[in-house]
Structures are given as structure tokens and as C-alpha cells.
Amino acid sequence: MQIVTAREFRAHQKKYFDLAERETVFVARKNARPIVISVANDDVHTPNNVTLAAMKEAQSGKPLEELDVDKFRDFVDAL
């Protein structure tokens, strides 16, 4: 586990992306929770059908419709 400041991360992104291949990197930020950088696990980060459909819609260039709270909850539950 490595903890770096946002400034250090911006200055040396490649170094920390490469390090994230071997261990988790935390980027500390002022007045905010840290950002965690780690390699995606295929089992956890494999997109499902809902995510793939959303990605295709976004790539098509069509404007995305506003999502009301109930639709958003349904979306999250489907994940």
C-alpha cells in the first residue's frame, strides 16, 4: 500500500499506475476522501448487460436522458 498526495500523483502518474499493478495506491486529497487506484479484477469489474447498454448509448452520441430517482434505484439494483 502506497499513499501519495494529489500533487505527487499528477507529477508522476505513470510511476503510480505501474505501482498499482503490484499494490494499492491511495491518492490523498484535501478535505475529501482519498482515491484508491488498483488493478481491476475481471470478476468484479466485468460489465453486465445494463452497463454495456449504457456504454453503447453513450458512444452513439445521443444525448442521455435525465434519470429520475426511481429509475436510478432500479439501475443500481440491477448491478
C-alpha atoms as a PDB file:
ATOM      1  CA  MET A   1       0.000   0.000   0.000  1.00  0.00           C
ATOM      2  CA  GLN A   2       1.327   3.403  -1.006  1.00  0.00           C
ATOM      3  CA  ILE A   3      -0.138   6.786  -0.005  1.00  0.00           C
ATOM      4  CA  VAL A   4       0.694   9.843  -2.126  1.00  0.00           C
ATOM      5  CA  THR A   5      -0.549  13.403  -2.411  1.00  0.00           C
ATOM      6  CA  ALA A   6      -2.607  14.509  -5.397  1.00  0.00           C
ATOM      7  CA  ARG A   7       0.253  16.756  -6.489  1.00  0.00           C
ATOM      8  CA  GLU A   8       2.757  13.874  -6.354  1.00  0.00           C
ATOM      9  CA  PHE A   9       0.345  11.632  -8.268  1.00  0.00           C
ATOM     10  CA  ARG A  10      -0.196  14.235 -11.029  1.00  0.00           C
ATOM     11  CA  ALA A  11       3.546  14.758 -11.385  1.00  0.00           C
ATOM     12  CA  HIS A  12       4.330  11.025 -11.641  1.00  0.00           C
ATOM     13  CA  GLN A  13       1.178   9.307 -12.929  1.00  0.00           C
ATOM     14  CA  LYS A  14       2.966   6.609 -14.917  1.00  0.00           C
ATOM     15  CA  LYS A  15       5.033   5.627 -11.885  1.00  0.00           C
ATOM     16  CA  TYR A  16       1.915   5.202  -9.726  1.00  0.00           C
ATOM     17  CA  PHE A  17      -0.107   3.416 -12.414  1.00  0.00           C
ATOM     18  CA  ASP A  18       2.758   0.941 -12.769  1.00  0.00           C
ATOM     19  CA  LEU A  19       2.971   0.598  -8.975  1.00  0.00           C
ATOM     20  CA  ALA A  20      -0.794  -0.087  -8.859  1.00  0.00           C
ATOM     21  CA  GLU A  21      -0.089  -3.265 -10.849  1.00  0.00           C
ATOM     22  CA  ARG A  22       1.624  -4.624  -7.727  1.00  0.00           C
ATOM     23  CA  GLU A  23      -0.078  -2.851  -4.811  1.00  0.00           C
ATOM     24  CA  THR A  24      -2.913  -0.470  -3.981  1.00  0.00           C
ATOM     25  CA  VAL A  25      -2.171   3.242  -4.272  1.00  0.00           C
ATOM     26  CA  PHE A  26      -4.134   5.807  -2.245  1.00  0.00           C
ATOM     27  CA  VAL A  27      -4.176   9.398  -3.505  1.00  0.00           C
ATOM     28  CA  ALA A  28      -4.805  11.725  -0.567  1.00  0.00           C
ATOM     29  CA  ARG A  29      -6.836  14.887  -1.187  1.00  0.00           C
ATOM     30  CA  LYS A  30      -7.516  17.943   0.948  1.00  0.00           C
ATOM     31  CA  ASN A  31     -10.984  17.914   2.501  1.00  0.00           C
ATOM     32  CA  ALA A  32     -12.029  14.809   0.588  1.00  0.00           C
ATOM     33  CA  ARG A  33     -11.814  11.065   0.846  1.00  0.00           C
ATOM     34  CA  PRO A  34      -8.758   9.501  -0.802  1.00  0.00           C
ATOM     35  CA  ILE A  35      -8.941   7.958  -4.262  1.00  0.00           C
ATOM     36  CA  VAL A  36      -7.941   4.294  -4.494  1.00  0.00           C
ATOM     37  CA  ILE A  37      -6.032   3.099  -7.546  1.00  0.00           C
ATOM     38  CA  SER A  38      -5.712  -0.620  -8.104  1.00  0.00           C
ATOM     39  CA  VAL A  39      -5.821  -3.084 -10.955  1.00  0.00           C
ATOM     40  CA  ALA A  40      -9.335  -4.124 -11.941  1.00  0.00           C
ATOM     41  CA  ASN A  41     -10.250  -7.685 -11.090  1.00  0.00           C
ATOM     42  CA  ASP A  42     -12.041  -9.267 -14.063  1.00  0.00           C
ATOM     43  CA  ASP A  43     -14.577 -10.998 -11.799  1.00  0.00           C
ATOM     44  CA  VAL A  44     -15.576  -7.768 -10.068  1.00  0.00           C
ATOM     45  CA  HIS A  45     -15.350  -5.282 -12.936  1.00  0.00           C
ATOM     46  CA  THR A  46     -16.854  -7.253 -15.796  1.00  0.00           C
ATOM     47  CA  PRO A  47     -19.645  -5.076 -17.192  1.00  0.00           C
ATOM     48  CA  ASN A  48     -23.140  -6.557 -17.098  1.00  0.00           C
ATOM     49  CA  ASN A  49     -25.864  -6.113 -19.748  1.00  0.00           C
ATOM     50  CA  VAL A  50     -27.184  -2.875 -18.201  1.00  0.00           C
ATOM     51  CA  THR A  51     -23.716  -1.337 -18.140  1.00  0.00           C
ATOM     52  CA  LEU A  52     -22.979  -2.446 -21.700  1.00  0.00           C
ATOM     53  CA  ALA A  53     -26.267  -0.945 -22.928  1.00  0.00           C
ATOM     54  CA  ALA A  54     -25.487   2.351 -21.186  1.00  0.00           C
ATOM     55  CA  MET A  55     -21.996   2.395 -22.701  1.00  0.00           C
ATOM     56  CA  LYS A  56     -23.391   1.799 -26.213  1.00  0.00           C
ATOM     57  CA  GLU A  57     -25.942   4.588 -25.733  1.00  0.00           C
ATOM     58  CA  ALA A  58     -23.237   6.992 -24.580  1.00  0.00           C
ATOM     59  CA  GLN A  59     -20.976   6.087 -27.506  1.00  0.00           C
ATOM     60  CA  SER A  60     -23.787   6.630 -30.030  1.00  0.00           C
ATOM     61  CA  GLY A  61     -23.629  10.377 -29.416  1.00  0.00           C
ATOM     62  CA  LYS A  62     -27.296  10.622 -28.474  1.00  0.00           C
ATOM     63  CA  PRO A  63     -27.939  12.919 -25.531  1.00  0.00           C
ATOM     64  CA  LEU A  64     -28.510  10.951 -22.371  1.00  0.00           C
ATOM     65  CA  GLU A  65     -31.905  11.381 -20.794  1.00  0.00           C
ATOM     66  CA  GLU A  66     -32.218  12.579 -17.232  1.00  0.00           C
ATOM     67  CA  LEU A  67     -32.673   9.736 -14.814  1.00  0.00           C
ATOM     68  CA  ASP A  68     -35.260  10.095 -12.097  1.00  0.00           C
ATOM     69  CA  VAL A  69     -34.603   8.710  -8.625  1.00  0.00           C
ATOM     70  CA  ASP A  70     -36.733   5.571  -9.058  1.00  0.00           C
ATOM     71  CA  LYS A  71     -35.087   4.696 -12.370  1.00  0.00           C
ATOM     72  CA  PHE A  72     -31.689   5.270 -10.788  1.00  0.00           C
ATOM     73  CA  ARG A  73     -32.515   2.918  -7.900  1.00  0.00           C
ATOM     74  CA  ASP A  74     -33.673   0.288 -10.395  1.00  0.00           C
ATOM     75  CA  PHE A  75     -30.430   0.756 -12.328  1.00  0.00           C
ATOM     76  CA  VAL A  76     -28.315   0.318  -9.193  1.00  0.00           C
ATOM     77  CA  ASP A  77     -30.337  -2.716  -8.074  1.00  0.00           C
ATOM     78  CA  ALA A  78     -29.732  -4.311 -11.476  1.00  0.00           C
ATOM     79  CA  LEU A  79     -25.979  -4.079 -10.969  1.00  0.00           C
END
